[in-house]
Amino acid sequence: ASPSPTTQGSACSGAAGGASASSAPKEYVREIHLQTLLKILMDAHSSTQQLAMALAQRGQDLDQDAENDAQRRALVQDFNVRAEKILATARNRHGAVTEAEYL
């Protein structure tokens, strides 16, 4: 079996730099720490992306809610205008009937 790239790189750098054999375990521990930090950063990045997508969806939901509210207000206003016209027509007819009674 050939040595892994990490083990091979550590052995080469130790040999080339004239480092003692005790530096190899330190390099291994350092590599493990770096891999752990990389995993933590990648998990944090993934979580951040998920949060951003959730916030974007919530923003779209709020926009849709605001649009629905505006449509509801417009319908209520339209209903009120129509109701006012019906009431005005009824008042006018009632007034005309009342005038005809006096004539």
PDB file of N, CA and C in Angstrom:
ATOM      1  N   ALA A   1       0.844  -1.188   0.000  1.00  0.00           N
ATOM      2  CA  ALA A   1       0.000   0.000   0.000  1.00  0.00           C
ATOM      3  C   ALA A   1       0.875   1.230   0.000  1.00  0.00           C
ATOM      4  N   SER A   2       0.515   2.202  -0.835  1.00  0.00           N
ATOM      5  CA  SER A   2       1.298   3.437  -0.889  1.00  0.00           C
ATOM      6  C   SER A   2       0.850   4.373   0.216  1.00  0.00           C
ATOM      7  N   PRO A   3       1.727   5.224   0.694  1.00  0.00           N
ATOM      8  CA  PRO A   3       1.347   6.151   1.764  1.00  0.00           C
ATOM      9  C   PRO A   3       0.336   7.175   1.251  1.00  0.00           C
ATOM     10  N   SER A   4      -0.526   7.657   2.140  1.00  0.00           N
ATOM     11  CA  SER A   4      -1.529   8.646   1.743  1.00  0.00           C
ATOM     12  C   SER A   4      -0.831   9.952   1.405  1.00  0.00           C
ATOM     13  N   PRO A   5      -1.476  10.829   0.631  1.00  0.00           N
ATOM     14  CA  PRO A   5      -0.839  12.112   0.274  1.00  0.00           C
ATOM     15  C   PRO A   5      -0.478  12.926   1.514  1.00  0.00           C
ATOM     16  N   THR A   6      -1.320  12.884   2.556  1.00  0.00           N
ATOM     17  CA  THR A   6      -1.042  13.656   3.761  1.00  0.00           C
ATOM     18  C   THR A   6       0.213  13.129   4.452  1.00  0.00           C
ATOM     19  N   THR A   7       0.274  11.795   4.613  1.00  0.00           N
ATOM     20  CA  THR A   7       1.422  11.173   5.269  1.00  0.00           C
ATOM     21  C   THR A   7       2.670  11.386   4.434  1.00  0.00           C
ATOM     22  N   GLN A   8       2.513  11.233   3.126  1.00  0.00           N
ATOM     23  CA  GLN A   8       3.646  11.391   2.229  1.00  0.00           C
ATOM     24  C   GLN A   8       4.149  12.829   2.272  1.00  0.00           C
ATOM     25  N   GLY A   9       3.215  13.798   2.244  1.00  0.00           N
ATOM     26  CA  GLY A   9       3.611  15.206   2.271  1.00  0.00           C
ATOM     27  C   GLY A   9       4.314  15.544   3.563  1.00  0.00           C
ATOM     28  N   SER A  10       3.819  15.020   4.683  1.00  0.00           N
ATOM     29  CA  SER A  10       4.443  15.299   5.969  1.00  0.00           C
ATOM     30  C   SER A  10       5.838  14.701   6.016  1.00  0.00           C
ATOM     31  N   ALA A  11       5.976  13.478   5.514  1.00  0.00           N
ATOM     32  CA  ALA A  11       7.284  12.815   5.533  1.00  0.00           C
ATOM     33  C   ALA A  11       8.270  13.579   4.662  1.00  0.00           C
ATOM     34  N   CYS A  12       7.801  14.038   3.514  1.00  0.00           N
ATOM     35  CA  CYS A  12       8.681  14.766   2.594  1.00  0.00           C
ATOM     36  C   CYS A  12       9.105  16.090   3.196  1.00  0.00           C
ATOM     37  N   SER A  13       8.158  16.806   3.780  1.00  0.00           N
ATOM     38  CA  SER A  13       8.508  18.112   4.313  1.00  0.00           C
ATOM     39  C   SER A  13       9.440  17.962   5.508  1.00  0.00           C
ATOM     40  N   GLY A  14       9.227  16.910   6.283  1.00  0.00           N
ATOM     41  CA  GLY A  14      10.112  16.662   7.423  1.00  0.00           C
ATOM     42  C   GLY A  14      11.515  16.340   6.966  1.00  0.00           C
ATOM     43  N   ALA A  15      11.607  15.526   5.940  1.00  0.00           N
ATOM     44  CA  ALA A  15      12.916  15.126   5.441  1.00  0.00           C
ATOM     45  C   ALA A  15      13.608  16.298   4.763  1.00  0.00           C
ATOM     46  N   ALA A  16      12.855  17.054   3.983  1.00  0.00           N
ATOM     47  CA  ALA A  16      13.459  18.149   3.234  1.00  0.00           C
ATOM     48  C   ALA A  16      13.881  19.272   4.173  1.00  0.00           C
ATOM     49  N   GLY A  17      13.093  19.509   5.216  1.00  0.00           N
ATOM     50  CA  GLY A  17      13.391  20.613   6.112  1.00  0.00           C
ATOM     51  C   GLY A  17      14.363  20.232   7.207  1.00  0.00           C
ATOM     52  N   GLY A  18      14.741  18.975   7.274  1.00  0.00           N
ATOM     53  CA  GLY A  18      15.661  18.543   8.304  1.00  0.00           C
ATOM     54  C   GLY A  18      14.987  18.477   9.668  1.00  0.00           C
ATOM     55  N   ALA A  19      13.636  18.392   9.692  1.00  0.00           N
ATOM     56  CA  ALA A  19      12.910  18.356  10.960  1.00  0.00           C
ATOM     57  C   ALA A  19      13.080  16.999  11.609  1.00  0.00           C
ATOM     58  N   SER A  20      12.893  16.968  12.888  1.00  0.00           N
ATOM     59  CA  SER A  20      13.021  15.711  13.619  1.00  0.00           C
ATOM     60  C   SER A  20      11.802  14.843  13.371  1.00  0.00           C
ATOM     61  N   ALA A  21      11.865  13.606  13.746  1.00  0.00           N
ATOM     62  CA  ALA A  21      10.765  12.657  13.572  1.00  0.00           C
ATOM     63  C   ALA A  21       9.590  13.030  14.447  1.00  0.00           C
ATOM     64  N   SER A  22       9.805  13.792  15.501  1.00  0.00           N
ATOM     65  CA  SER A  22       8.710  14.169  16.392  1.00  0.00           C
ATOM     66  C   SER A  22       7.784  15.200  15.759  1.00  0.00           C
ATOM     67  N   SER A  23       8.184  15.848  14.689  1.00  0.00           N
ATOM     68  CA  SER A  23       7.318  16.838  14.047  1.00  0.00           C
ATOM     69  C   SER A  23       6.220  16.170  13.226  1.00  0.00           C
ATOM     70  N   ALA A  24       6.392  14.909  12.852  1.00  0.00           N
ATOM     71  CA  ALA A  24       5.382  14.210  12.060  1.00  0.00           C
ATOM     72  C   ALA A  24       4.056  14.101  12.812  1.00  0.00           C
ATOM     73  N   PRO A  25       4.014  13.718  14.096  1.00  0.00           N
ATOM     74  CA  PRO A  25       2.731  13.671  14.800  1.00  0.00           C
ATOM     75  C   PRO A  25       2.088  15.056  14.908  1.00  0.00           C
ATOM     76  N   LYS A  26       2.902  16.093  15.068  1.00  0.00           N
ATOM     77  CA  LYS A  26       2.367  17.457  15.133  1.00  0.00           C
ATOM     78  C   LYS A  26       1.703  17.834  13.814  1.00  0.00           C
ATOM     79  N   GLU A  27       2.345  17.462  12.727  1.00  0.00           N
ATOM     80  CA  GLU A  27       1.779  17.741  11.400  1.00  0.00           C
ATOM     81  C   GLU A  27       0.459  16.992  11.215  1.00  0.00           C
ATOM     82  N   TYR A  28       0.430  15.751  11.705  1.00  0.00           N
ATOM     83  CA  TYR A  28      -0.792  14.945  11.595  1.00  0.00           C
ATOM     84  C   TYR A  28      -1.926  15.595  12.392  1.00  0.00           C
ATOM     85  N   VAL A  29      -1.631  16.007  13.621  1.00  0.00           N
ATOM     86  CA  VAL A  29      -2.636  16.672  14.458  1.00  0.00           C
ATOM     87  C   VAL A  29      -3.091  17.965  13.796  1.00  0.00           C
ATOM     88  N   ARG A  30      -2.141  18.712  13.252  1.00  0.00           N
ATOM     89  CA  ARG A  30      -2.471  19.969  12.564  1.00  0.00           C
ATOM     90  C   ARG A  30      -3.404  19.697  11.378  1.00  0.00           C
ATOM     91  N   GLU A  31      -3.102  18.639  10.626  1.00  0.00           N
ATOM     92  CA  GLU A  31      -3.934  18.264   9.472  1.00  0.00           C
ATOM     93  C   GLU A  31      -5.345  17.904   9.924  1.00  0.00           C
ATOM     94  N   ILE A  32      -5.469  17.144  11.020  1.00  0.00           N
ATOM     95  CA  ILE A  32      -6.784  16.773  11.552  1.00  0.00           C
ATOM     96  C   ILE A  32      -7.550  18.036  11.960  1.00  0.00           C
ATOM     97  N   HIS A  33      -6.861  18.962  12.627  1.00  0.00           N
ATOM     98  CA  HIS A  33      -7.502  20.223  13.034  1.00  0.00           C
ATOM     99  C   HIS A  33      -7.981  21.009  11.818  1.00  0.00           C
ATOM    100  N   LEU A  34      -7.130  21.064  10.806  1.00  0.00           N
ATOM    101  CA  LEU A  34      -7.518  21.791   9.588  1.00  0.00           C
ATOM    102  C   LEU A  34      -8.720  21.135   8.909  1.00  0.00           C
ATOM    103  N   GLN A  35      -8.746  19.824   8.847  1.00  0.00           N
ATOM    104  CA  GLN A  35      -9.880  19.120   8.243  1.00  0.00           C
ATOM    105  C   GLN A  35     -11.155  19.363   9.047  1.00  0.00           C
ATOM    106  N   THR A  36     -11.024  19.361  10.377  1.00  0.00           N
ATOM    107  CA  THR A  36     -12.183  19.610  11.244  1.00  0.00           C
ATOM    108  C   THR A  36     -12.702  21.028  11.041  1.00  0.00           C
ATOM    109  N   LEU A  37     -11.788  21.988  10.991  1.00  0.00           N
ATOM    110  CA  LEU A  37     -12.195  23.380  10.750  1.00  0.00           C
ATOM    111  C   LEU A  37     -12.856  23.539   9.390  1.00  0.00           C
ATOM    112  N   LEU A  38     -12.311  22.871   8.390  1.00  0.00           N
ATOM    113  CA  LEU A  38     -12.894  22.933   7.057  1.00  0.00           C
ATOM    114  C   LEU A  38     -14.315  22.383   7.065  1.00  0.00           C
ATOM    115  N   LYS A  39     -14.527  21.264   7.751  1.00  0.00           N
ATOM    116  CA  LYS A  39     -15.871  20.680   7.843  1.00  0.00           C
ATOM    117  C   LYS A  39     -16.818  21.638   8.558  1.00  0.00           C
ATOM    118  N   ILE A  40     -16.355  22.257   9.638  1.00  0.00           N
ATOM    119  CA  ILE A  40     -17.191  23.218  10.367  1.00  0.00           C
ATOM    120  C   ILE A  40     -17.564  24.387   9.463  1.00  0.00           C
ATOM    121  N   LEU A  41     -16.603  24.899   8.723  1.00  0.00           N
ATOM    122  CA  LEU A  41     -16.870  26.010   7.811  1.00  0.00           C
ATOM    123  C   LEU A  41     -17.843  25.614   6.698  1.00  0.00           C
ATOM    124  N   MET A  42     -17.680  24.406   6.167  1.00  0.00           N
ATOM    125  CA  MET A  42     -18.576  23.944   5.109  1.00  0.00           C
ATOM    126  C   MET A  42     -19.998  23.762   5.651  1.00  0.00           C
ATOM    127  N   ASP A  43     -20.128  23.230   6.879  1.00  0.00           N
ATOM    128  CA  ASP A  43     -21.444  23.086   7.500  1.00  0.00           C
ATOM    129  C   ASP A  43     -22.080  24.454   7.746  1.00  0.00           C
ATOM    130  N   ALA A  44     -21.275  25.404   8.218  1.00  0.00           N
ATOM    131  CA  ALA A  44     -21.781  26.758   8.465  1.00  0.00           C
ATOM    132  C   ALA A  44     -22.230  27.401   7.157  1.00  0.00           C
ATOM    133  N   HIS A  45     -21.463  27.196   6.106  1.00  0.00           N
ATOM    134  CA  HIS A  45     -21.826  27.738   4.791  1.00  0.00           C
ATOM    135  C   HIS A  45     -23.149  27.144   4.315  1.00  0.00           C
ATOM    136  N   SER A  46     -23.289  25.840   4.473  1.00  0.00           N
ATOM    137  CA  SER A  46     -24.524  25.168   4.068  1.00  0.00           C
ATOM    138  C   SER A  46     -25.709  25.704   4.869  1.00  0.00           C
ATOM    139  N   SER A  47     -25.522  25.857   6.172  1.00  0.00           N
ATOM    140  CA  SER A  47     -26.591  26.387   7.025  1.00  0.00           C
ATOM    141  C   SER A  47     -26.948  27.812   6.619  1.00  0.00           C
ATOM    142  N   THR A  48     -25.950  28.594   6.279  1.00  0.00           N
ATOM    143  CA  THR A  48     -26.182  29.976   5.855  1.00  0.00           C
ATOM    144  C   THR A  48     -26.973  30.004   4.553  1.00  0.00           C
ATOM    145  N   GLN A  49     -26.638  29.127   3.638  1.00  0.00           N
ATOM    146  CA  GLN A  49     -27.383  29.061   2.377  1.00  0.00           C
ATOM    147  C   GLN A  49     -28.833  28.662   2.621  1.00  0.00           C
ATOM    148  N   GLN A  50     -29.054  27.692   3.501  1.00  0.00           N
ATOM    149  CA  GLN A  50     -30.419  27.264   3.808  1.00  0.00           C
ATOM    150  C   GLN A  50     -31.200  28.403   4.452  1.00  0.00           C
ATOM    151  N   LEU A  51     -30.556  29.132   5.347  1.00  0.00           N
ATOM    152  CA  LEU A  51     -31.203  30.267   5.995  1.00  0.00           C
ATOM    153  C   LEU A  51     -31.546  31.344   4.974  1.00  0.00           C
ATOM    154  N   ALA A  52     -30.633  31.621   4.067  1.00  0.00           N
ATOM    155  CA  ALA A  52     -30.880  32.622   3.033  1.00  0.00           C
ATOM    156  C   ALA A  52     -32.063  32.222   2.158  1.00  0.00           C
ATOM    157  N   MET A  53     -32.145  30.936   1.809  1.00  0.00           N
ATOM    158  CA  MET A  53     -33.264  30.465   0.986  1.00  0.00           C
ATOM    159  C   MET A  53     -34.579  30.578   1.765  1.00  0.00           C
ATOM    160  N   ALA A  54     -34.549  30.237   3.050  1.00  0.00           N
ATOM    161  CA  ALA A  54     -35.757  30.331   3.873  1.00  0.00           C
ATOM    162  C   ALA A  54     -36.207  31.785   4.010  1.00  0.00           C
ATOM    163  N   LEU A  55     -35.250  32.692   4.188  1.00  0.00           N
ATOM    164  CA  LEU A  55     -35.592  34.109   4.299  1.00  0.00           C
ATOM    165  C   LEU A  55     -36.151  34.653   2.978  1.00  0.00           C
ATOM    166  N   ALA A  56     -35.577  34.215   1.875  1.00  0.00           N
ATOM    167  CA  ALA A  56     -36.084  34.647   0.570  1.00  0.00           C
ATOM    168  C   ALA A  56     -37.518  34.157   0.371  1.00  0.00           C
ATOM    169  N   GLN A  57     -37.786  32.911   0.762  1.00  0.00           N
ATOM    170  CA  GLN A  57     -39.140  32.368   0.644  1.00  0.00           C
ATOM    171  C   GLN A  57     -40.110  33.144   1.532  1.00  0.00           C
ATOM    172  N   ARG A  58     -39.665  33.454   2.753  1.00  0.00           N
ATOM    173  CA  ARG A  58     -40.517  34.219   3.678  1.00  0.00           C
ATOM    174  C   ARG A  58     -40.805  35.605   3.102  1.00  0.00           C
ATOM    175  N   GLY A  59     -39.814  36.208   2.485  1.00  0.00           N
ATOM    176  CA  GLY A  59     -40.012  37.510   1.842  1.00  0.00           C
ATOM    177  C   GLY A  59     -41.054  37.426   0.735  1.00  0.00           C
ATOM    178  N   GLN A  60     -40.990  36.361  -0.060  1.00  0.00           N
ATOM    179  CA  GLN A  60     -41.978  36.169  -1.124  1.00  0.00           C
ATOM    180  C   GLN A  60     -43.364  35.957  -0.530  1.00  0.00           C
ATOM    181  N   ASP A  61     -43.432  35.197   0.569  1.00  0.00           N
ATOM    182  CA  ASP A  61     -44.723  34.967   1.227  1.00  0.00           C
ATOM    183  C   ASP A  61     -45.312  36.278   1.741  1.00  0.00           C
ATOM    184  N   LEU A  62     -44.465  37.115   2.333  1.00  0.00           N
ATOM    185  CA  LEU A  62     -44.936  38.411   2.840  1.00  0.00           C
ATOM    186  C   LEU A  62     -45.400  39.314   1.701  1.00  0.00           C
ATOM    187  N   ASP A  63     -44.665  39.289   0.595  1.00  0.00           N
ATOM    188  CA  ASP A  63     -45.078  40.073  -0.579  1.00  0.00           C
ATOM    189  C   ASP A  63     -46.444  39.604  -1.074  1.00  0.00           C
ATOM    190  N   GLN A  64     -46.640  38.285  -1.115  1.00  0.00           N
ATOM    191  CA  GLN A  64     -47.917  37.736  -1.566  1.00  0.00           C
ATOM    192  C   GLN A  64     -49.036  38.122  -0.593  1.00  0.00           C
ATOM    193  N   ASP A  65     -48.737  38.066   0.712  1.00  0.00           N
ATOM    194  CA  ASP A  65     -49.731  38.474   1.710  1.00  0.00           C
ATOM    195  C   ASP A  65     -50.118  39.938   1.529  1.00  0.00           C
ATOM    196  N   ALA A  66     -49.134  40.786   1.282  1.00  0.00           N
ATOM    197  CA  ALA A  66     -49.404  42.209   1.084  1.00  0.00           C
ATOM    198  C   ALA A  66     -50.263  42.424  -0.169  1.00  0.00           C
ATOM    199  N   GLU A  67     -49.948  41.678  -1.217  1.00  0.00           N
ATOM    200  CA  GLU A  67     -50.739  41.783  -2.450  1.00  0.00           C
ATOM    201  C   GLU A  67     -52.178  41.322  -2.201  1.00  0.00           C
ATOM    202  N   ASN A  68     -52.343  40.216  -1.465  1.00  0.00           N
ATOM    203  CA  ASN A  68     -53.686  39.723  -1.141  1.00  0.00           C
ATOM    204  C   ASN A  68     -54.453  40.738  -0.297  1.00  0.00           C
ATOM    205  N   ASP A  69     -53.764  41.363   0.662  1.00  0.00           N
ATOM    206  CA  ASP A  69     -54.413  42.381   1.493  1.00  0.00           C
ATOM    207  C   ASP A  69     -54.865  43.567   0.650  1.00  0.00           C
ATOM    208  N   ALA A  70     -54.035  43.975  -0.285  1.00  0.00           N
ATOM    209  CA  ALA A  70     -54.397  45.099  -1.161  1.00  0.00           C
ATOM    210  C   ALA A  70     -55.620  44.740  -2.005  1.00  0.00           C
ATOM    211  N   GLN A  71     -55.671  43.509  -2.496  1.00  0.00           N
ATOM    212  CA  GLN A  71     -56.831  43.073  -3.279  1.00  0.00           C
ATOM    213  C   GLN A  71     -58.091  43.051  -2.416  1.00  0.00           C
ATOM    214  N   ARG A  72     -57.954  42.575  -1.169  1.00  0.00           N
ATOM    215  CA  ARG A  72     -59.107  42.560  -0.253  1.00  0.00           C
ATOM    216  C   ARG A  72     -59.607  43.978   0.009  1.00  0.00           C
ATOM    217  N   ARG A  73     -58.685  44.901   0.263  1.00  0.00           N
ATOM    218  CA  ARG A  73     -59.083  46.294   0.513  1.00  0.00           C
ATOM    219  C   ARG A  73     -59.796  46.877  -0.705  1.00  0.00           C
ATOM    220  N   ALA A  74     -59.300  46.574  -1.889  1.00  0.00           N
ATOM    221  CA  ALA A  74     -59.934  47.078  -3.113  1.00  0.00           C
ATOM    222  C   ALA A  74     -61.341  46.495  -3.264  1.00  0.00           C
ATOM    223  N   LEU A  75     -61.511  45.220  -2.941  1.00  0.00           N
ATOM    224  CA  LEU A  75     -62.841  44.607  -3.027  1.00  0.00           C
ATOM    225  C   LEU A  75     -63.804  45.223  -2.019  1.00  0.00           C
ATOM    226  N   VAL A  76     -63.314  45.453  -0.796  1.00  0.00           N
ATOM    227  CA  VAL A  76     -64.170  46.079   0.224  1.00  0.00           C
ATOM    228  C   VAL A  76     -64.560  47.495  -0.204  1.00  0.00           C
ATOM    229  N   GLN A  77     -63.597  48.220  -0.731  1.00  0.00           N
ATOM    230  CA  GLN A  77     -63.898  49.587  -1.185  1.00  0.00           C
ATOM    231  C   GLN A  77     -64.914  49.551  -2.323  1.00  0.00           C
ATOM    232  N   ASP A  78     -64.741  48.632  -3.262  1.00  0.00           N
ATOM    233  CA  ASP A  78     -65.689  48.498  -4.365  1.00  0.00           C
ATOM    234  C   ASP A  78     -67.080  48.141  -3.827  1.00  0.00           C
ATOM    235  N   PHE A  79     -67.132  47.236  -2.857  1.00  0.00           N
ATOM    236  CA  PHE A  79     -68.405  46.865  -2.242  1.00  0.00           C
ATOM    237  C   PHE A  79     -69.055  48.076  -1.585  1.00  0.00           C
ATOM    238  N   ASN A  80     -68.267  48.867  -0.864  1.00  0.00           N
ATOM    239  CA  ASN A  80     -68.798  50.056  -0.192  1.00  0.00           C
ATOM    240  C   ASN A  80     -69.348  51.071  -1.192  1.00  0.00           C
ATOM    241  N   VAL A  81     -68.646  51.255  -2.290  1.00  0.00           N
ATOM    242  CA  VAL A  81     -69.116  52.194  -3.323  1.00  0.00           C
ATOM    243  C   VAL A  81     -70.441  51.711  -3.902  1.00  0.00           C
ATOM    244  N   ARG A  82     -70.526  50.427  -4.194  1.00  0.00           N
ATOM    245  CA  ARG A  82     -71.771  49.872  -4.736  1.00  0.00           C
ATOM    246  C   ARG A  82     -72.909  49.986  -3.721  1.00  0.00           C
ATOM    247  N   ALA A  83     -72.597  49.706  -2.448  1.00  0.00           N
ATOM    248  CA  ALA A  83     -73.620  49.806  -1.411  1.00  0.00           C
ATOM    249  C   ALA A  83     -74.118  51.243  -1.296  1.00  0.00           C
ATOM    250  N   GLU A  84     -73.214  52.213  -1.365  1.00  0.00           N
ATOM    251  CA  GLU A  84     -73.610  53.632  -1.318  1.00  0.00           C
ATOM    252  C   GLU A  84     -74.527  53.980  -2.492  1.00  0.00           C
ATOM    253  N   LYS A  85     -74.217  53.473  -3.674  1.00  0.00           N
ATOM    254  CA  LYS A  85     -75.049  53.747  -4.851  1.00  0.00           C
ATOM    255  C   LYS A  85     -76.442  53.133  -4.669  1.00  0.00           C
ATOM    256  N   ILE A  86     -76.499  51.927  -4.147  1.00  0.00           N
ATOM    257  CA  ILE A  86     -77.788  51.261  -3.927  1.00  0.00           C
ATOM    258  C   ILE A  86     -78.609  52.044  -2.905  1.00  0.00           C
ATOM    259  N   LEU A  87     -77.940  52.469  -1.821  1.00  0.00           N
ATOM    260  CA  LEU A  87     -78.646  53.260  -0.805  1.00  0.00           C
ATOM    261  C   LEU A  87     -79.138  54.590  -1.369  1.00  0.00           C
ATOM    262  N   ALA A  88     -78.312  55.245  -2.175  1.00  0.00           N
ATOM    263  CA  ALA A  88     -78.713  56.521  -2.778  1.00  0.00           C
ATOM    264  C   ALA A  88     -79.905  56.316  -3.702  1.00  0.00           C
ATOM    265  N   THR A  89     -79.879  55.246  -4.483  1.00  0.00           N
ATOM    266  CA  THR A  89     -80.999  54.948  -5.379  1.00  0.00           C
ATOM    267  C   THR A  89     -82.262  54.679  -4.567  1.00  0.00           C
ATOM    268  N   ALA A  90     -82.132  53.920  -3.488  1.00  0.00           N
ATOM    269  CA  ALA A  90     -83.288  53.616  -2.643  1.00  0.00           C
ATOM    270  C   ALA A  90     -83.833  54.885  -2.009  1.00  0.00           C
ATOM    271  N   ARG A  91     -82.964  55.766  -1.556  1.00  0.00           N
ATOM    272  CA  ARG A  91     -83.409  57.042  -0.972  1.00  0.00           C
ATOM    273  C   ARG A  91     -84.125  57.885  -2.018  1.00  0.00           C
ATOM    274  N   ASN A  92     -83.574  57.936  -3.209  1.00  0.00           N
ATOM    275  CA  ASN A  92     -84.204  58.730  -4.269  1.00  0.00           C
ATOM    276  C   ASN A  92     -85.588  58.182  -4.614  1.00  0.00           C
ATOM    277  N   ARG A  93     -85.706  56.875  -4.681  1.00  0.00           N
ATOM    278  CA  ARG A  93     -87.002  56.276  -4.995  1.00  0.00           C
ATOM    279  C   ARG A  93     -87.999  56.532  -3.868  1.00  0.00           C
ATOM    280  N   HIS A  94     -87.516  56.394  -2.649  1.00  0.00           N
ATOM    281  CA  HIS A  94     -88.395  56.642  -1.499  1.00  0.00           C
ATOM    282  C   HIS A  94     -88.851  58.104  -1.495  1.00  0.00           C
ATOM    283  N   GLY A  95     -87.922  58.995  -1.798  1.00  0.00           N
ATOM    284  CA  GLY A  95     -88.277  60.430  -1.891  1.00  0.00           C
ATOM    285  C   GLY A  95     -89.286  60.684  -2.995  1.00  0.00           C
ATOM    286  N   ALA A  96     -89.136  60.022  -4.129  1.00  0.00           N
ATOM    287  CA  ALA A  96     -90.062  60.214  -5.258  1.00  0.00           C
ATOM    288  C   ALA A  96     -91.437  59.699  -4.879  1.00  0.00           C
ATOM    289  N   VAL A  97     -91.485  58.568  -4.184  1.00  0.00           N
ATOM    290  CA  VAL A  97     -92.783  58.020  -3.743  1.00  0.00           C
ATOM    291  C   VAL A  97     -93.430  58.970  -2.759  1.00  0.00           C
ATOM    292  N   THR A  98     -92.645  59.496  -1.841  1.00  0.00           N
ATOM    293  CA  THR A  98     -93.184  60.424  -0.846  1.00  0.00           C
ATOM    294  C   THR A  98     -93.719  61.678  -1.514  1.00  0.00           C
ATOM    295  N   GLU A  99     -93.022  62.220  -2.502  1.00  0.00           N
ATOM    296  CA  GLU A  99     -93.488  63.416  -3.229  1.00  0.00           C
ATOM    297  C   GLU A  99     -94.774  63.101  -3.979  1.00  0.00           C
ATOM    298  N   ALA A 100     -94.844  61.930  -4.583  1.00  0.00           N
ATOM    299  CA  ALA A 100     -96.047  61.566  -5.350  1.00  0.00           C
ATOM    300  C   ALA A 100     -97.250  61.460  -4.418  1.00  0.00           C
ATOM    301  N   GLU A 101     -97.039  61.023  -3.213  1.00  0.00           N
ATOM    302  CA  GLU A 101     -98.147  60.932  -2.258  1.00  0.00           C
ATOM    303  C   GLU A 101     -98.711  62.306  -1.945  1.00  0.00           C
ATOM    304  N   TYR A 102     -97.848  63.306  -1.885  1.00  0.00           N
ATOM    305  CA  TYR A 102     -98.308  64.674  -1.556  1.00  0.00           C
ATOM    306  C   TYR A 102     -98.998  65.364  -2.728  1.00  0.00           C
ATOM    307  N   LEU A 103     -98.713  64.910  -3.919  1.00  0.00           N
ATOM    308  CA  LEU A 103     -99.314  65.546  -5.100  1.00  0.00           C
ATOM    309  C   LEU A 103    -100.666  64.996  -5.289  1.00  0.00           C
TER     310      LEU A 103
END
